[in-house]
Amino acid sequence: MMEDILLPIIVVGMLFIGLPWLIFHYITRWKQSGTLTVQDENLMDDLYETARRLDDRLATIERIIAADHPDYRLASQSAPDRDYAPRDYRGDPRDPREPVGPRRA
C-alpha cells in the first residue's frame, strides 16, 4: 500500500526536479568550459611553435637526403596537399585569435 503512493512521488520528483537539475548542471559546465584560459592559449602557442620547428627540421632532413640520394623523392613533392606555408600571426592585425594575456618570450 505504501509502495503505491511512494513510487509515483519518487518518479514525479525525479522527472520534475532531478532531470532539470541534471540538464542545467551540465549546460552550466558546458558554458564555463567553452572559453580558452590563458594557460590553454599559452599551451597552444607552444604546441604551434613545436610543430613549426618539427616541420622545418623535417624539411631540412629531406633536403639533406635528397642531396645525398638523387633518386629520393621529397615528401613535399609527393603530397600535393602540402602546399601550405606556416604563418606566424603574432603582432599581425589580421590575427584570428584575440590576445587574452601577455605573451611569453
N, C-alpha and C. Protein backbone atom coordinates (compact mmCIF):
# COMPACT_ATOMS: atom_id res chain seq x y z
N MET A 1 0.82 -1.18 0.00
CA MET A 1 0.00 0.00 0.00
C MET A 1 0.87 1.27 0.00
N MET A 2 1.89 1.28 0.84
CA MET A 2 2.79 2.42 0.92
C MET A 2 3.59 2.57 -0.37
N GLU A 3 3.90 1.45 -1.02
CA GLU A 3 4.65 1.48 -2.27
C GLU A 3 3.84 2.12 -3.38
N ASP A 4 2.53 1.94 -3.37
CA ASP A 4 1.68 2.53 -4.39
C ASP A 4 1.67 4.05 -4.32
N ILE A 5 1.91 4.61 -3.17
CA ILE A 5 1.93 6.07 -3.00
C ILE A 5 3.35 6.61 -3.16
N LEU A 6 4.30 5.89 -2.62
CA LEU A 6 5.69 6.36 -2.60
C LEU A 6 6.33 6.34 -3.99
N LEU A 7 6.09 5.31 -4.76
CA LEU A 7 6.71 5.19 -6.08
C LEU A 7 6.32 6.33 -7.02
N PRO A 8 5.06 6.68 -7.17
CA PRO A 8 4.73 7.81 -8.05
C PRO A 8 5.33 9.14 -7.57
N ILE A 9 5.42 9.34 -6.27
CA ILE A 9 6.01 10.57 -5.75
C ILE A 9 7.49 10.65 -6.11
N ILE A 10 8.20 9.53 -6.00
CA ILE A 10 9.62 9.49 -6.34
C ILE A 10 9.81 9.72 -7.84
N VAL A 11 9.00 9.09 -8.66
CA VAL A 11 9.11 9.24 -10.12
C VAL A 11 8.83 10.68 -10.53
N VAL A 12 7.78 11.28 -10.00
CA VAL A 12 7.44 12.66 -10.33
C VAL A 12 8.55 13.60 -9.86
N GLY A 13 9.07 13.36 -8.68
CA GLY A 13 10.18 14.17 -8.17
C GLY A 13 11.41 14.07 -9.05
N MET A 14 11.72 12.87 -9.50
CA MET A 14 12.87 12.69 -10.38
C MET A 14 12.64 13.38 -11.72
N LEU A 15 11.45 13.31 -12.25
CA LEU A 15 11.17 13.92 -13.55
C LEU A 15 11.19 15.44 -13.50
N PHE A 16 10.57 16.02 -12.48
CA PHE A 16 10.42 17.46 -12.46
C PHE A 16 11.47 18.20 -11.64
N ILE A 17 12.26 17.49 -10.86
CA ILE A 17 13.32 18.14 -10.08
C ILE A 17 14.69 17.61 -10.49
N GLY A 18 14.84 16.31 -10.47
CA GLY A 18 16.14 15.70 -10.74
C GLY A 18 16.61 15.88 -12.17
N LEU A 19 15.76 15.62 -13.14
CA LEU A 19 16.16 15.72 -14.55
C LEU A 19 16.49 17.15 -14.96
N PRO A 20 15.65 18.15 -14.65
CA PRO A 20 16.05 19.53 -15.00
C PRO A 20 17.33 19.98 -14.29
N TRP A 21 17.50 19.57 -13.04
CA TRP A 21 18.72 19.93 -12.33
C TRP A 21 19.93 19.35 -13.05
N LEU A 22 19.85 18.10 -13.47
CA LEU A 22 20.95 17.45 -14.17
C LEU A 22 21.24 18.15 -15.50
N ILE A 23 20.21 18.47 -16.24
CA ILE A 23 20.39 19.14 -17.53
C ILE A 23 21.02 20.52 -17.34
N PHE A 24 20.49 21.32 -16.43
CA PHE A 24 21.04 22.66 -16.20
C PHE A 24 22.45 22.61 -15.63
N HIS A 25 22.75 21.61 -14.84
CA HIS A 25 24.10 21.45 -14.31
C HIS A 25 25.10 21.29 -15.44
N TYR A 26 24.81 20.40 -16.39
CA TYR A 26 25.75 20.16 -17.49
C TYR A 26 25.75 21.28 -18.51
N ILE A 27 24.65 22.01 -18.67
CA ILE A 27 24.65 23.19 -19.53
C ILE A 27 25.58 24.25 -18.95
N THR A 28 25.53 24.43 -17.64
CA THR A 28 26.42 25.39 -16.99
C THR A 28 27.88 24.98 -17.15
N ARG A 29 28.16 23.71 -16.96
CA ARG A 29 29.54 23.21 -17.15
C ARG A 29 30.01 23.43 -18.58
N TRP A 30 29.12 23.18 -19.53
CA TRP A 30 29.48 23.33 -20.94
C TRP A 30 29.78 24.78 -21.26
N LYS A 31 29.00 25.71 -20.72
CA LYS A 31 29.24 27.13 -20.98
C LYS A 31 30.53 27.62 -20.33
N GLN A 32 30.84 27.10 -19.17
CA GLN A 32 32.07 27.51 -18.49
C GLN A 32 33.30 27.00 -19.22
N SER A 33 33.22 25.83 -19.79
CA SER A 33 34.39 25.25 -20.46
C SER A 33 34.47 25.66 -21.92
N GLY A 34 33.57 26.51 -22.39
CA GLY A 34 33.56 26.92 -23.78
C GLY A 34 34.62 27.93 -24.14
N THR A 35 35.30 28.51 -23.16
CA THR A 35 36.32 29.52 -23.44
C THR A 35 37.70 28.97 -23.10
N LEU A 36 38.70 29.53 -23.76
CA LEU A 36 40.07 29.14 -23.51
C LEU A 36 40.65 30.00 -22.39
N THR A 37 41.41 29.36 -21.54
CA THR A 37 42.09 30.10 -20.49
C THR A 37 43.44 30.59 -21.01
N VAL A 38 44.09 31.42 -20.25
CA VAL A 38 45.42 31.91 -20.62
C VAL A 38 46.38 30.73 -20.73
N GLN A 39 46.26 29.78 -19.83
CA GLN A 39 47.13 28.60 -19.87
C GLN A 39 46.89 27.81 -21.15
N ASP A 40 45.61 27.67 -21.57
CA ASP A 40 45.30 26.96 -22.80
C ASP A 40 45.91 27.67 -24.01
N GLU A 41 45.82 29.00 -24.04
CA GLU A 41 46.39 29.75 -25.15
C GLU A 41 47.91 29.62 -25.18
N ASN A 42 48.54 29.68 -24.02
CA ASN A 42 49.99 29.51 -23.96
C ASN A 42 50.40 28.12 -24.43
N LEU A 43 49.64 27.11 -24.02
CA LEU A 43 49.92 25.75 -24.46
C LEU A 43 49.76 25.62 -25.98
N MET A 44 48.72 26.24 -26.53
CA MET A 44 48.52 26.19 -27.97
C MET A 44 49.67 26.90 -28.71
N ASP A 45 50.13 28.02 -28.17
CA ASP A 45 51.26 28.71 -28.78
C ASP A 45 52.51 27.84 -28.75
N ASP A 46 52.76 27.20 -27.61
CA ASP A 46 53.92 26.32 -27.50
C ASP A 46 53.82 25.14 -28.47
N LEU A 47 52.65 24.55 -28.58
CA LEU A 47 52.46 23.44 -29.50
C LEU A 47 52.62 23.88 -30.95
N TYR A 48 52.13 25.08 -31.26
CA TYR A 48 52.30 25.60 -32.62
C TYR A 48 53.77 25.79 -32.95
N GLU A 49 54.51 26.39 -32.02
CA GLU A 49 55.94 26.60 -32.24
C GLU A 49 56.68 25.27 -32.39
N THR A 50 56.35 24.30 -31.57
CA THR A 50 56.98 22.98 -31.67
C THR A 50 56.68 22.33 -33.01
N ALA A 51 55.42 22.41 -33.44
CA ALA A 51 55.05 21.82 -34.74
C ALA A 51 55.77 22.53 -35.88
N ARG A 52 55.90 23.84 -35.80
CA ARG A 52 56.59 24.59 -36.85
C ARG A 52 58.07 24.20 -36.91
N ARG A 53 58.71 24.08 -35.73
CA ARG A 53 60.11 23.69 -35.71
C ARG A 53 60.30 22.27 -36.23
N LEU A 54 59.39 21.36 -35.86
CA LEU A 54 59.49 19.99 -36.36
C LEU A 54 59.30 19.94 -37.87
N ASP A 55 58.41 20.76 -38.39
CA ASP A 55 58.20 20.82 -39.84
C ASP A 55 59.45 21.34 -40.54
N ASP A 56 60.08 22.37 -39.95
CA ASP A 56 61.33 22.89 -40.52
C ASP A 56 62.44 21.84 -40.47
N ARG A 57 62.53 21.11 -39.38
CA ARG A 57 63.55 20.06 -39.26
C ARG A 57 63.32 18.95 -40.28
N LEU A 58 62.07 18.56 -40.46
CA LEU A 58 61.76 17.52 -41.44
C LEU A 58 62.12 17.98 -42.85
N ALA A 59 61.83 19.23 -43.17
CA ALA A 59 62.19 19.76 -44.49
C ALA A 59 63.70 19.77 -44.67
N THR A 60 64.44 20.12 -43.62
CA THR A 60 65.90 20.12 -43.69
C THR A 60 66.44 18.71 -43.91
N ILE A 61 65.90 17.75 -43.16
CA ILE A 61 66.34 16.35 -43.32
C ILE A 61 66.04 15.85 -44.72
N GLU A 62 64.87 16.20 -45.25
CA GLU A 62 64.52 15.77 -46.61
C GLU A 62 65.46 16.38 -47.64
N ARG A 63 65.85 17.65 -47.45
CA ARG A 63 66.80 18.27 -48.39
C ARG A 63 68.16 17.60 -48.32
N ILE A 64 68.59 17.24 -47.11
CA ILE A 64 69.90 16.57 -46.96
C ILE A 64 69.88 15.21 -47.63
N ILE A 65 68.80 14.45 -47.39
CA ILE A 65 68.68 13.13 -48.01
C ILE A 65 68.59 13.25 -49.53
N ALA A 66 67.85 14.24 -50.03
CA ALA A 66 67.71 14.44 -51.46
C ALA A 66 69.05 14.82 -52.09
N ALA A 67 69.89 15.56 -51.35
CA ALA A 67 71.20 15.93 -51.87
C ALA A 67 72.13 14.72 -51.93
N ASP A 68 72.02 13.81 -50.95
CA ASP A 68 72.86 12.63 -50.91
C ASP A 68 72.39 11.53 -51.86
N HIS A 69 71.08 11.42 -52.06
CA HIS A 69 70.50 10.36 -52.89
C HIS A 69 69.62 11.02 -53.96
N PRO A 70 70.12 11.10 -55.18
CA PRO A 70 69.37 11.81 -56.22
C PRO A 70 68.02 11.15 -56.56
N ASP A 71 67.85 9.86 -56.29
CA ASP A 71 66.59 9.21 -56.62
C ASP A 71 65.54 9.35 -55.51
N TYR A 72 65.89 10.00 -54.40
CA TYR A 72 64.94 10.21 -53.31
C TYR A 72 63.94 11.28 -53.70
N ARG A 73 62.67 11.02 -53.42
CA ARG A 73 61.61 11.99 -53.74
C ARG A 73 61.16 12.66 -52.46
N LEU A 74 61.17 13.99 -52.46
CA LEU A 74 60.76 14.74 -51.28
C LEU A 74 59.28 14.51 -50.99
N ALA A 75 58.94 14.48 -49.71
CA ALA A 75 57.54 14.30 -49.32
C ALA A 75 56.69 15.46 -49.80
N SER A 76 57.28 16.65 -49.87
CA SER A 76 56.52 17.81 -50.33
C SER A 76 56.20 17.71 -51.82
N GLN A 77 57.00 16.94 -52.57
CA GLN A 77 56.73 16.74 -53.99
C GLN A 77 55.71 15.64 -54.21
N SER A 78 55.66 14.65 -53.31
CA SER A 78 54.75 13.52 -53.48
C SER A 78 53.37 13.78 -52.88
N ALA A 79 53.26 14.79 -52.02
CA ALA A 79 51.97 15.10 -51.39
C ALA A 79 51.52 16.48 -51.86
N PRO A 80 50.61 16.54 -52.83
CA PRO A 80 50.21 17.84 -53.36
C PRO A 80 49.40 18.68 -52.37
N ASP A 81 48.84 18.06 -51.33
CA ASP A 81 48.06 18.83 -50.37
C ASP A 81 48.94 19.54 -49.35
N ARG A 82 50.23 19.41 -49.46
CA ARG A 82 51.14 20.04 -48.51
C ARG A 82 51.70 21.33 -49.10
N ASP A 83 50.83 22.16 -49.61
CA ASP A 83 51.26 23.40 -50.24
C ASP A 83 51.08 24.61 -49.34
N TYR A 84 50.91 24.38 -48.06
CA TYR A 84 50.73 25.48 -47.13
C TYR A 84 52.06 25.97 -46.64
N ALA A 85 52.06 27.21 -46.22
CA ALA A 85 53.24 27.78 -45.59
C ALA A 85 52.83 28.19 -44.17
N PRO A 86 53.52 27.69 -43.16
CA PRO A 86 53.14 28.05 -41.80
C PRO A 86 53.27 29.55 -41.60
N ARG A 87 52.28 30.13 -40.97
CA ARG A 87 52.29 31.57 -40.74
C ARG A 87 52.31 31.85 -39.24
N ASP A 88 52.99 32.91 -38.91
CA ASP A 88 53.03 33.36 -37.53
C ASP A 88 52.22 34.65 -37.46
N TYR A 89 51.07 34.60 -36.79
CA TYR A 89 50.17 35.74 -36.73
C TYR A 89 50.50 36.71 -35.60
N ARG A 90 51.50 36.43 -34.82
CA ARG A 90 51.78 37.28 -33.66
C ARG A 90 52.08 38.70 -34.11
N GLY A 91 51.37 39.63 -33.53
CA GLY A 91 51.58 41.03 -33.85
C GLY A 91 50.90 41.46 -35.14
N ASP A 92 50.29 40.57 -35.84
CA ASP A 92 49.62 40.86 -37.10
C ASP A 92 48.19 41.29 -36.81
N PRO A 93 47.73 42.41 -37.37
CA PRO A 93 46.35 42.84 -37.10
C PRO A 93 45.31 41.88 -37.67
N ARG A 94 45.71 40.99 -38.58
CA ARG A 94 44.78 40.01 -39.13
C ARG A 94 44.72 38.74 -38.30
N ASP A 95 45.31 38.78 -37.12
CA ASP A 95 45.35 37.61 -36.23
C ASP A 95 43.93 37.15 -35.91
N PRO A 96 43.58 35.90 -36.25
CA PRO A 96 42.22 35.42 -35.96
C PRO A 96 41.97 35.19 -34.48
N ARG A 97 43.03 35.08 -33.71
CA ARG A 97 42.87 34.88 -32.26
C ARG A 97 42.93 36.22 -31.57
N GLU A 98 42.19 36.37 -30.52
CA GLU A 98 42.26 37.59 -29.75
C GLU A 98 43.22 37.36 -28.59
N PRO A 99 44.12 38.30 -28.35
CA PRO A 99 45.05 38.12 -27.23
C PRO A 99 44.31 38.15 -25.89
N VAL A 100 44.65 37.19 -25.05
CA VAL A 100 43.99 37.10 -23.76
C VAL A 100 44.88 37.68 -22.67
N GLY A 101 46.15 37.47 -22.76
CA GLY A 101 47.06 37.94 -21.74
C GLY A 101 48.41 38.26 -22.36
N PRO A 102 49.37 38.59 -21.53
CA PRO A 102 50.70 38.90 -22.07
C PRO A 102 51.34 37.65 -22.66
N ARG A 103 52.05 37.84 -23.74
CA ARG A 103 52.74 36.73 -24.40
C ARG A 103 54.04 36.43 -23.67
N ARG A 104 54.37 35.15 -23.69
CA ARG A 104 55.65 34.75 -23.11
C ARG A 104 56.73 34.90 -24.15
N ALA A 105 57.93 35.19 -23.71
CA ALA A 105 59.05 35.36 -24.64
C ALA A 105 59.67 34.05 -25.01
